C-alpha atoms as a PDB file:
ATOM      1  CA  MET A   1       2.185  25.183   0.575  1.00  0.00           C
ATOM      2  CA  THR A   2       2.027  27.187   3.721  1.00  0.00           C
ATOM      3  CA  GLN A   3       1.192  26.612   7.435  1.00  0.00           C
ATOM      4  CA  ILE A   4      -1.105  28.584   9.616  1.00  0.00           C
ATOM      5  CA  ALA A   5      -0.595  28.494  13.386  1.00  0.00           C
ATOM      6  CA  ILE A   6      -3.323  29.202  15.869  1.00  0.00           C
ATOM      7  CA  ASP A   7      -2.474  29.145  19.536  1.00  0.00           C
ATOM      8  CA  GLY A   8      -4.454  30.041  22.632  1.00  0.00           C
ATOM      9  CA  PRO A   9      -5.625  28.937  25.984  1.00  0.00           C
ATOM     10  CA  ALA A  10      -8.192  25.955  26.662  1.00  0.00           C
ATOM     11  CA  SER A  11     -11.574  26.528  25.137  1.00  0.00           C
ATOM     12  CA  SER A  12     -10.619  29.702  23.353  1.00  0.00           C
ATOM     13  CA  GLY A  13     -12.352  28.487  20.055  1.00  0.00           C
ATOM     14  CA  LYS A  14      -8.984  27.458  18.341  1.00  0.00           C
ATOM     15  CA  SER A  15     -10.525  24.151  16.931  1.00  0.00           C
ATOM     16  CA  SER A  16     -13.855  25.724  15.667  1.00  0.00           C
ATOM     17  CA  VAL A  17     -11.827  28.498  14.134  1.00  0.00           C
ATOM     18  CA  GLY A  18      -9.154  26.333  12.703  1.00  0.00           C
ATOM     19  CA  ILE A  19     -11.564  23.842  11.072  1.00  0.00           C
ATOM     20  CA  ARG A  20     -13.246  26.799   9.248  1.00  0.00           C
ATOM     21  CA  VAL A  21      -9.933  28.394   8.235  1.00  0.00           C
ATOM     22  CA  ALA A  22      -8.647  25.204   6.856  1.00  0.00           C
ATOM     23  CA  ALA A  23     -11.778  24.640   4.887  1.00  0.00           C
ATOM     24  CA  SER A  24     -11.442  28.108   3.399  1.00  0.00           C
ATOM     25  CA  PHE A  25      -8.075  27.258   1.906  1.00  0.00           C
ATOM     26  CA  GLY A  26      -8.541  23.510   1.271  1.00  0.00           C
ATOM     27  CA  TYR A  27      -5.878  22.775   3.908  1.00  0.00           C
ATOM     28  CA  GLY A  28      -5.792  20.069   6.497  1.00  0.00           C
ATOM     29  CA  PHE A  29      -6.400  20.601  10.122  1.00  0.00           C
ATOM     30  CA  LEU A  30      -4.788  19.396  13.238  1.00  0.00           C
ATOM     31  CA  ASP A  31      -5.792  20.076  16.732  1.00  0.00           C
ATOM     32  CA  THR A  32      -2.455  19.382  18.318  1.00  0.00           C
ATOM     33  CA  GLY A  33      -4.184  19.152  21.810  1.00  0.00           C
ATOM     34  CA  LEU A  34      -5.702  15.915  20.578  1.00  0.00           C
ATOM     35  CA  LEU A  35      -2.210  14.344  20.482  1.00  0.00           C
ATOM     36  CA  TYR A  36      -1.870  14.846  24.302  1.00  0.00           C
ATOM     37  CA  ARG A  37      -5.392  13.722  24.965  1.00  0.00           C
ATOM     38  CA  ALA A  38      -4.899  10.472  22.838  1.00  0.00           C
ATOM     39  CA  VAL A  39      -1.777   9.626  24.834  1.00  0.00           C
ATOM     40  CA  THR A  40      -3.773  10.277  27.948  1.00  0.00           C
ATOM     41  CA  ARG A  41      -6.571   8.230  26.917  1.00  0.00           C
ATOM     42  CA  ALA A  42      -4.325   5.276  25.926  1.00  0.00           C
ATOM     43  CA  ALA A  43      -2.556   5.647  29.110  1.00  0.00           C
ATOM     44  CA  LEU A  44      -5.588   5.607  31.204  1.00  0.00           C
ATOM     45  CA  ASP A  45      -7.162   2.735  29.227  1.00  0.00           C
ATOM     46  CA  GLY A  46      -3.953   0.733  29.380  1.00  0.00           C
ATOM     47  CA  GLY A  47      -3.628   1.068  33.110  1.00  0.00           C
ATOM     48  CA  VAL A  48      -0.343   2.791  32.721  1.00  0.00           C
ATOM     49  CA  LEU A  49      -0.733   5.412  35.475  1.00  0.00           C
ATOM     50  CA  GLY A  50      -0.086   3.746  38.769  1.00  0.00           C
ATOM     51  CA  ALA A  51      -1.562   6.720  40.716  1.00  0.00           C
ATOM     52  CA  THR A  52      -4.539   7.289  38.446  1.00  0.00           C
ATOM     53  CA  GLY A  53      -6.977   7.837  41.290  1.00  0.00           C
ATOM     54  CA  ALA A  54      -4.996  10.517  43.098  1.00  0.00           C
ATOM     55  CA  LEU A  55      -4.023  12.128  39.878  1.00  0.00           C
ATOM     56  CA  LEU A  56      -7.580  12.478  38.678  1.00  0.00           C
ATOM     57  CA  GLU A  57      -8.514  14.064  42.034  1.00  0.00           C
ATOM     58  CA  GLY A  58      -5.751  16.701  41.559  1.00  0.00           C
ATOM     59  CA  THR A  59      -3.584  15.282  44.390  1.00  0.00           C
ATOM     60  CA  GLY A  60      -1.408  12.828  42.792  1.00  0.00           C
ATOM     61  CA  THR A  61       1.882  13.032  40.798  1.00  0.00           C
ATOM     62  CA  ILE A  62       3.126  10.850  38.081  1.00  0.00           C
ATOM     63  CA  SER A  63       5.924   8.533  39.115  1.00  0.00           C
ATOM     64  CA  ALA A  64       9.167   8.250  37.216  1.00  0.00           C
ATOM     65  CA  GLY A  65       8.209   4.770  36.029  1.00  0.00           C
ATOM     66  CA  ASP A  66       4.785   5.942  34.765  1.00  0.00           C
ATOM     67  CA  ALA A  67       6.396   8.941  33.086  1.00  0.00           C
ATOM     68  CA  GLU A  68       8.838   6.664  31.304  1.00  0.00           C
ATOM     69  CA  LYS A  69       5.764   4.633  29.947  1.00  0.00           C
ATOM     70  CA  LEU A  70       4.103   7.718  28.872  1.00  0.00           C
ATOM     71  CA  VAL A  71       7.076   8.875  26.816  1.00  0.00           C
ATOM     72  CA  GLN A  72       7.023   5.435  25.210  1.00  0.00           C
ATOM     73  CA  LEU A  73       3.460   5.974  24.319  1.00  0.00           C
ATOM     74  CA  ALA A  74       4.149   9.405  22.992  1.00  0.00           C
ATOM     75  CA  HIS A  75       6.752   7.994  20.634  1.00  0.00           C
ATOM     76  CA  LEU A  76       4.101   5.717  19.191  1.00  0.00           C
ATOM     77  CA  ALA A  77       1.950   8.594  18.240  1.00  0.00           C
ATOM     78  CA  ASP A  78       1.088   9.615  14.549  1.00  0.00           C
ATOM     79  CA  VAL A  79      -1.141  11.759  12.647  1.00  0.00           C
ATOM     80  CA  ASP A  80      -3.183  10.597   9.538  1.00  0.00           C
ATOM     81  CA  LEU A  81      -4.253  13.735   7.507  1.00  0.00           C
ATOM     82  CA  GLU A  82      -5.426  11.844   4.331  1.00  0.00           C
ATOM     83  CA  SER A  83      -9.076  12.814   4.948  1.00  0.00           C
ATOM     84  CA  GLY A  84      -8.245  16.564   5.692  1.00  0.00           C
ATOM     85  CA  SER A  85      -9.383  16.235   9.223  1.00  0.00           C
ATOM     86  CA  ALA A  86      -6.557  14.476  11.433  1.00  0.00           C
ATOM     87  CA  THR A  87      -7.068  11.129  12.882  1.00  0.00           C
ATOM     88  CA  ILE A  88      -4.751  10.481  15.794  1.00  0.00           C
ATOM     89  CA  VAL A  89      -3.136   7.220  16.254  1.00  0.00           C
ATOM     90  CA  VAL A  90      -1.382   5.960  19.277  1.00  0.00           C
ATOM     91  CA  ASP A  91       0.200   2.418  19.329  1.00  0.00           C
ATOM     92  CA  GLY A  92      -1.724   1.475  16.194  1.00  0.00           C
ATOM     93  CA  ARG A  93      -5.066   2.529  17.776  1.00  0.00           C
ATOM     94  CA  PRO A  94      -7.075   5.302  15.916  1.00  0.00           C
ATOM     95  CA  PHE A  95      -8.995   7.703  18.239  1.00  0.00           C
ATOM     96  CA  GLU A  96     -12.185   9.564  17.531  1.00  0.00           C
ATOM     97  CA  ALA A  97     -12.393  13.108  19.073  1.00  0.00           C
ATOM     98  CA  SER A  98     -15.435  12.061  21.026  1.00  0.00           C
ATOM     99  CA  GLU A  99     -13.202   9.445  22.899  1.00  0.00           C
ATOM    100  CA  LEU A 100     -10.855  12.210  23.991  1.00  0.00           C
ATOM    101  CA  GLU A 101     -13.607  14.592  25.748  1.00  0.00           C
ATOM    102  CA  GLY A 102     -14.072  12.560  29.021  1.00  0.00           C
ATOM    103  CA  GLY A 103     -13.606  14.253  32.496  1.00  0.00           C
ATOM    104  CA  ASP A 104     -10.858  11.636  33.346  1.00  0.00           C
ATOM    105  CA  VAL A 105      -8.764  12.897  30.270  1.00  0.00           C
ATOM    106  CA  GLU A 106      -9.568  16.440  31.101  1.00  0.00           C
ATOM    107  CA  ARG A 107      -8.204  16.061  34.531  1.00  0.00           C
ATOM    108  CA  ALA A 108      -5.029  14.182  33.769  1.00  0.00           C
ATOM    109  CA  VAL A 109      -3.963  15.642  30.423  1.00  0.00           C
ATOM    110  CA  ALA A 110      -2.212  18.815  31.924  1.00  0.00           C
ATOM    111  CA  ALA A 111       0.000  16.648  34.254  1.00  0.00           C
ATOM    112  CA  ILE A 112       0.973  14.450  31.263  1.00  0.00           C
ATOM    113  CA  ALA A 113       1.555  17.340  28.902  1.00  0.00           C
ATOM    114  CA  ALA A 114       3.885  18.868  31.363  1.00  0.00           C
ATOM    115  CA  ILE A 115       6.490  15.966  31.046  1.00  0.00           C
ATOM    116  CA  PRO A 116       9.323  17.431  28.848  1.00  0.00           C
ATOM    117  CA  GLU A 117      10.134  14.177  27.024  1.00  0.00           C
ATOM    118  CA  VAL A 118       6.364  13.719  26.239  1.00  0.00           C
ATOM    119  CA  ARG A 119       6.286  17.148  24.774  1.00  0.00           C
ATOM    120  CA  ALA A 120       9.406  16.484  22.778  1.00  0.00           C
ATOM    121  CA  ALA A 121       8.093  13.329  21.358  1.00  0.00           C
ATOM    122  CA  LEU A 122       4.795  14.878  20.280  1.00  0.00           C
ATOM    123  CA  ARG A 123       6.504  18.086  19.023  1.00  0.00           C
ATOM    124  CA  SER A 124       8.264  15.908  16.573  1.00  0.00           C
ATOM    125  CA  VAL A 125       5.011  14.508  15.280  1.00  0.00           C
ATOM    126  CA  GLN A 126       3.493  18.023  14.931  1.00  0.00           C
ATOM    127  CA  ARG A 127       6.492  19.389  13.133  1.00  0.00           C
ATOM    128  CA  GLU A 128       6.444  16.505  10.548  1.00  0.00           C
ATOM    129  CA  THR A 129       2.728  17.341  10.013  1.00  0.00           C
ATOM    130  CA  ALA A 130       3.500  21.071   9.678  1.00  0.00           C
ATOM    131  CA  MET A 131       6.333  20.437   7.272  1.00  0.00           C
ATOM    132  CA  ARG A 132       3.902  18.745   4.780  1.00  0.00           C
ATOM    133  CA  GLY A 133       2.337  22.172   4.159  1.00  0.00           C
ATOM    134  CA  GLY A 134      -1.159  23.206   3.459  1.00  0.00           C
ATOM    135  CA  VAL A 135      -2.121  22.697   7.021  1.00  0.00           C
ATOM    136  CA  VAL A 136      -3.728  24.733   9.948  1.00  0.00           C
ATOM    137  CA  LEU A 137      -2.357  23.640  13.287  1.00  0.00           C
ATOM    138  CA  ALA A 138      -4.046  24.643  16.609  1.00  0.00           C
ATOM    139  CA  GLY A 139      -2.538  24.395  19.900  1.00  0.00           C
ATOM    140  CA  ARG A 140      -0.743  26.290  22.695  1.00  0.00           C
ATOM    141  CA  ASP A 141       2.963  26.487  21.582  1.00  0.00           C
ATOM    142  CA  ILE A 142       2.763  25.994  17.788  1.00  0.00           C
ATOM    143  CA  GLY A 143       4.017  29.564  16.917  1.00  0.00           C
ATOM    144  CA  THR A 144       6.420  29.646  19.782  1.00  0.00           C
ATOM    145  CA  VAL A 145       7.927  26.153  19.938  1.00  0.00           C
ATOM    146  CA  VAL A 146       6.585  23.632  17.599  1.00  0.00           C
ATOM    147  CA  TYR A 147       6.752  25.457  14.342  1.00  0.00           C
ATOM    148  CA  PRO A 148       8.005  29.060  14.881  1.00  0.00           C
ATOM    149  CA  GLU A 149       8.825  29.305  11.185  1.00  0.00           C
ATOM    150  CA  ALA A 150       5.177  29.446  10.278  1.00  0.00           C
ATOM    151  CA  LEU A 151       4.406  32.431   7.897  1.00  0.00           C
ATOM    152  CA  HIS A 152       0.933  32.935   9.612  1.00  0.00           C
ATOM    153  CA  LYS A 153       0.451  33.056  13.478  1.00  0.00           C
ATOM    154  CA  PHE A 154      -2.541  33.911  15.377  1.00  0.00           C
ATOM    155  CA  PHE A 155      -3.285  33.788  19.138  1.00  0.00           C
ATOM    156  CA  LEU A 156      -6.881  33.565  20.338  1.00  0.00           C
ATOM    157  CA  ASP A 157      -7.612  34.759  23.848  1.00  0.00           C
ATOM    158  CA  ALA A 158     -10.707  35.512  26.037  1.00  0.00           C
ATOM    159  CA  SER A 159     -11.463  35.695  29.785  1.00  0.00           C
ATOM    160  CA  ALA A 160     -11.865  32.382  31.758  1.00  0.00           C
ATOM    161  CA  GLU A 161     -15.448  33.485  32.310  1.00  0.00           C
ATOM    162  CA  THR A 162     -16.249  33.960  28.717  1.00  0.00           C
ATOM    163  CA  ARG A 163     -14.591  30.466  27.676  1.00  0.00           C
ATOM    164  CA  ALA A 164     -16.329  28.832  30.652  1.00  0.00           C
ATOM    165  CA  LEU A 165     -19.656  29.991  29.560  1.00  0.00           C
ATOM    166  CA  ARG A 166     -19.080  28.904  25.940  1.00  0.00           C
ATOM    167  CA  ARG A 167     -17.976  25.463  27.059  1.00  0.00           C
ATOM    168  CA  ALA A 168     -21.087  24.929  29.211  1.00  0.00           C
ATOM    169  CA  ILE A 169     -23.434  26.154  26.502  1.00  0.00           C
ATOM    170  CA  GLN A 170     -21.724  23.960  23.888  1.00  0.00           C
ATOM    171  CA  ARG A 171     -22.220  20.996  26.116  1.00  0.00           C
ATOM    172  CA  GLY A 172     -25.950  21.848  26.812  1.00  0.00           C
ATOM    173  CA  PHE A 173     -25.643  23.434  30.333  1.00  0.00           C
ATOM    174  CA  ALA A 174     -27.127  26.575  31.340  1.00  0.00           C
ATOM    175  CA  GLU A 175     -25.415  29.749  32.524  1.00  0.00           C
ATOM    176  CA  GLY A 176     -24.874  29.533  36.257  1.00  0.00           C
ATOM    177  CA  SER A 177     -25.314  25.878  36.421  1.00  0.00           C
ATOM    178  CA  GLU A 178     -22.936  23.640  38.449  1.00  0.00           C
ATOM    179  CA  GLU A 179     -21.556  22.447  35.183  1.00  0.00           C
ATOM    180  CA  HIS A 180     -20.880  25.977  34.226  1.00  0.00           C
ATOM    181  CA  GLN A 181     -19.093  26.729  37.480  1.00  0.00           C
ATOM    182  CA  GLU A 182     -17.064  23.575  37.351  1.00  0.00           C
ATOM    183  CA  ALA A 183     -15.922  24.531  33.674  1.00  0.00           C
ATOM    184  CA  LEU A 184     -14.762  27.888  35.169  1.00  0.00           C
ATOM    185  CA  ARG A 185     -12.743  26.104  38.026  1.00  0.00           C
ATOM    186  CA  SER A 186     -11.354  23.793  35.586  1.00  0.00           C
ATOM    187  CA  LEU A 187     -10.159  26.527  33.092  1.00  0.00           C
ATOM    188  CA  ILE A 188      -8.670  28.851  35.873  1.00  0.00           C
ATOM    189  CA  ALA A 189      -6.624  25.792  37.061  1.00  0.00           C
ATOM    190  CA  ARG A 190      -5.629  24.763  33.421  1.00  0.00           C
ATOM    191  CA  ASP A 191      -4.562  28.268  32.467  1.00  0.00           C
ATOM    192  CA  ARG A 192      -2.301  28.422  35.539  1.00  0.00           C
ATOM    193  CA  GLU A 193      -0.769  25.218  34.683  1.00  0.00           C
ATOM    194  CA  ASP A 194      -0.285  26.055  30.923  1.00  0.00           C
ATOM    195  CA  ARG A 195       1.115  29.467  31.627  1.00  0.00           C
ATOM    196  CA  GLY A 196       3.334  28.501  34.576  1.00  0.00           C
ATOM    197  CA  ARG A 197       4.758  25.344  32.842  1.00  0.00           C
ATOM    198  CA  ALA A 198       8.445  25.411  32.742  1.00  0.00           C
ATOM    199  CA  VAL A 199       8.600  23.767  29.435  1.00  0.00           C
ATOM    200  CA  ALA A 200       6.979  25.651  26.542  1.00  0.00           C
ATOM    201  CA  PRO A 201       4.581  27.685  28.582  1.00  0.00           C
ATOM    202  CA  LEU A 202       1.434  29.188  26.980  1.00  0.00           C
ATOM    203  CA  ARG A 203       2.268  32.653  25.467  1.00  0.00           C
ATOM    204  CA  ALA A 204       1.751  34.484  22.253  1.00  0.00           C
ATOM    205  CA  ALA A 205       4.593  34.450  19.740  1.00  0.00           C
ATOM    206  CA  ASP A 206       6.046  37.830  19.310  1.00  0.00           C
ATOM    207  CA  ASP A 207       4.907  38.140  15.630  1.00  0.00           C
ATOM    208  CA  ALA A 208       1.513  36.574  16.232  1.00  0.00           C
ATOM    209  CA  LEU A 209      -1.663  38.565  15.652  1.00  0.00           C
ATOM    210  CA  LEU A 210      -3.525  38.668  18.966  1.00  0.00           C
ATOM    211  CA  ILE A 211      -7.387  38.393  18.691  1.00  0.00           C
ATOM    212  CA  VAL A 212      -9.339  38.903  21.763  1.00  0.00           C
ATOM    213  CA  THR A 213     -12.578  37.043  21.296  1.00  0.00           C
ATOM    214  CA  ASP A 214     -14.865  38.019  24.229  1.00  0.00           C
ATOM    215  CA  SER A 215     -16.994  40.175  22.100  1.00  0.00           C
ATOM    216  CA  LEU A 216     -16.505  38.455  18.773  1.00  0.00           C
ATOM    217  CA  THR A 217     -18.492  35.707  16.898  1.00  0.00           C
ATOM    218  CA  LEU A 218     -16.980  32.639  15.382  1.00  0.00           C
ATOM    219  CA  ASP A 219     -17.552  34.216  12.129  1.00  0.00           C
ATOM    220  CA  ASP A 220     -15.724  37.440  13.044  1.00  0.00           C
ATOM    221  CA  VAL A 221     -12.628  35.639  14.138  1.00  0.00           C
ATOM    222  CA  VAL A 222     -12.527  33.306  11.033  1.00  0.00           C
ATOM    223  CA  ASP A 223     -12.923  36.385   8.779  1.00  0.00           C
ATOM    224  CA  GLN A 224     -10.109  38.164  10.461  1.00  0.00           C
ATOM    225  CA  ILE A 225      -7.713  35.260  10.008  1.00  0.00           C
ATOM    226  CA  VAL A 226      -8.842  34.547   6.402  1.00  0.00           C
ATOM    227  CA  GLN A 227      -8.446  38.123   5.337  1.00  0.00           C
ATOM    228  CA  ARG A 228      -5.044  38.369   6.947  1.00  0.00           C
ATOM    229  CA  VAL A 229      -3.748  35.316   5.265  1.00  0.00           C
ATOM    230  CA  ARG A 230      -5.322  36.192   1.889  1.00  0.00           C
ATOM    231  CA  SER A 231      -3.654  39.583   2.115  1.00  0.00           C
ATOM    232  CA  SER A 232      -0.301  37.988   2.134  1.00  0.00           C
ATOM    233  CA  SER A 233       1.502  36.733  -0.795  1.00  0.00           C
ATOM    234  CA  HIS A 234       2.408  33.652   0.901  1.00  0.00           C
ATOM    235  CA  VAL A 235      -0.708  31.415   0.241  1.00  0.00           C
ATOM    236  CA  ALA A 236      -0.676  28.349  -1.783  1.00  0.00           C
END
């Protein structure tokens, strides 16, 4: 069974698209970003981050000691795909997606995801999941680093302005609201961190199909991907 990789920046629609693509083929779905968020949530709840306050304000850094604890947590992460939709487990604790959406997680996750040893540990989990086959993986470096041998690779992109508006509306806020503006600031900062990261920076794989979604609906994007995969002989 094959693997489908969907990469792209934050709030580019990877998960919404990936869930529907997976359903079209009867595949499992893993939003790999939830692994990083689960490690972050576990670290925050467990008091692992000694400089939590400063880190969440964007002014702190992660100490060597805290980084080592984060790596240990990352090695305790696992994915359960039995139900089709992935359940993330860290140190025996299963996480619901709703637990991983808090503002504190949003502000801390990029710094934690930038730790090379954390990425290496979670990359192993992602590769093991991909090797089971019959799975759609959504992330930022699936097609370039995690599983470059995936037969089907896609990169979704849209302007920060488009993504911020979509995020605000999804959360029930109006265009032009403070929440909308905060979403835009957050996405611009996250893009800068993701694209400038020394280890596994955000970029499209050379053989990925780039889909710019600013003027496309969710249905449009899903249809493009499903048709592209079905036109290939490598579908099982």
